[in-house]
Amino acid sequence: MANNKSALKRAKIAERNRMRNKSYKSAVKTLMKKYFVALDAYAASPTEESKTEVMARMSEAYSKIDKSVKRGVLHSNNGARKKSRLAKRLKSVTQVATA
């Protein structure tokens, strides 16, 4: 436990930052899962509505990943890897859908 005023303040700030980082990471995971669900629905029945849904979900996920990187919650390479996985999965599904 902290013994002086500055250590107490640092502990309080660290906890606040930890909670903020946790919420960003959780939001990124949730948006990625929603994207993958929308992508699976698009793969099952490729319609124009489902494609717009996939693109909207992808945009939301990209935005949250970029904000997390900007705020220092995620490392830039980690953010790039997550975005790459989203794009790679879309590419594989669209190639199967068009073929």
Protein backbone atom coordinates (compact mmCIF):
# COMPACT_ATOMS: atom_id res chain seq x y z
CA MET A 1 0.00 0.00 0.00
CA ALA A 2 1.15 3.54 -0.71
CA ASN A 3 2.80 5.35 2.18
CA ASN A 4 2.74 8.98 1.08
CA LYS A 5 0.46 11.41 -0.70
CA SER A 6 2.17 11.25 -4.11
CA ALA A 7 2.21 7.45 -4.09
CA LEU A 8 -1.50 7.40 -3.26
CA LYS A 9 -2.17 9.76 -6.14
CA ARG A 10 -0.11 7.64 -8.57
CA ALA A 11 -1.97 4.50 -7.48
CA LYS A 12 -5.29 6.27 -8.04
CA ILE A 13 -4.22 7.50 -11.49
CA ALA A 14 -2.89 4.07 -12.46
CA GLU A 15 -6.20 2.47 -11.51
CA ARG A 16 -8.15 5.08 -13.51
CA ASN A 17 -5.94 4.49 -16.56
CA ARG A 18 -6.23 0.72 -16.18
CA MET A 19 -10.02 0.93 -16.21
CA ARG A 20 -10.00 3.22 -19.26
CA ASN A 21 -7.61 0.90 -21.12
CA LYS A 22 -9.76 -2.09 -20.18
CA SER A 23 -12.88 -0.46 -21.61
CA TYR A 24 -11.11 0.37 -24.89
CA LYS A 25 -9.73 -3.16 -25.26
CA SER A 26 -13.12 -4.65 -24.47
CA ALA A 27 -14.83 -2.39 -27.01
CA VAL A 28 -12.32 -3.37 -29.69
CA LYS A 29 -12.92 -7.08 -29.02
CA THR A 30 -16.70 -6.60 -29.07
CA LEU A 31 -16.65 -4.67 -32.35
CA MET A 32 -14.39 -7.28 -33.94
CA LYS A 33 -16.77 -10.06 -32.88
CA LYS A 34 -19.75 -8.15 -34.26
CA TYR A 35 -17.86 -7.69 -37.52
CA PHE A 36 -17.08 -11.41 -37.77
CA VAL A 37 -20.73 -12.29 -37.10
CA ALA A 38 -21.87 -9.88 -39.82
CA LEU A 39 -19.24 -11.33 -42.14
CA ASP A 40 -20.46 -14.88 -41.52
CA ALA A 41 -24.01 -13.76 -42.28
CA TYR A 42 -22.78 -12.16 -45.51
CA ALA A 43 -20.90 -15.35 -46.45
CA ALA A 44 -24.04 -17.42 -45.87
CA SER A 45 -26.22 -15.21 -48.06
CA PRO A 46 -24.37 -12.48 -49.97
CA THR A 47 -26.85 -9.64 -50.40
CA GLU A 48 -26.29 -5.94 -50.79
CA GLU A 49 -27.80 -5.19 -47.35
CA SER A 50 -25.51 -7.66 -45.63
CA LYS A 51 -22.51 -6.21 -47.45
CA THR A 52 -23.33 -2.69 -46.25
CA GLU A 53 -23.72 -4.10 -42.73
CA VAL A 54 -20.27 -5.70 -42.97
CA MET A 55 -18.71 -2.46 -44.19
CA ALA A 56 -20.38 -0.47 -41.40
CA ARG A 57 -19.10 -2.94 -38.78
CA MET A 58 -15.63 -2.82 -40.31
CA SER A 59 -15.61 0.96 -40.20
CA GLU A 60 -16.64 0.96 -36.53
CA ALA A 61 -13.94 -1.56 -35.63
CA TYR A 62 -11.25 0.33 -37.57
CA SER A 63 -12.25 3.57 -35.88
CA LYS A 64 -12.08 2.10 -32.38
CA ILE A 65 -8.75 0.40 -33.11
CA ASP A 66 -7.29 3.67 -34.42
CA LYS A 67 -8.53 5.57 -31.35
CA SER A 68 -7.02 2.94 -29.06
CA VAL A 69 -3.66 3.26 -30.80
CA LYS A 70 -3.83 7.04 -30.69
CA ARG A 71 -4.51 7.02 -26.94
CA GLY A 72 -1.74 4.52 -26.28
CA VAL A 73 -4.00 1.67 -25.20
CA LEU A 74 -2.75 -0.55 -28.02
CA HIS A 75 0.68 -0.57 -29.62
CA SER A 76 0.65 0.58 -33.22
CA ASN A 77 1.75 -2.84 -34.51
CA ASN A 78 -1.01 -4.52 -32.48
CA GLY A 79 -3.59 -2.18 -34.02
CA ALA A 80 -2.22 -2.79 -37.50
CA ARG A 81 -2.35 -6.55 -36.95
CA LYS A 82 -5.99 -6.40 -35.82
CA LYS A 83 -6.99 -4.30 -38.83
CA SER A 84 -5.08 -6.63 -41.13
CA ARG A 85 -6.96 -9.63 -39.77
CA LEU A 86 -10.28 -7.89 -40.40
CA ALA A 87 -9.33 -7.05 -43.99
CA LYS A 88 -7.89 -10.51 -44.65
CA ARG A 89 -11.08 -12.20 -43.49
CA LEU A 90 -13.21 -9.90 -45.67
CA LYS A 91 -11.03 -10.63 -48.68
CA SER A 92 -11.32 -14.39 -48.24
CA VAL A 93 -15.11 -14.20 -47.89
CA THR A 94 -15.61 -11.89 -50.87
CA GLN A 95 -13.45 -14.09 -53.10
CA VAL A 96 -15.57 -17.11 -52.18
CA ALA A 97 -18.81 -15.14 -52.63
CA THR A 98 -17.89 -13.91 -56.10
CA ALA A 99 -16.53 -17.25 -57.31
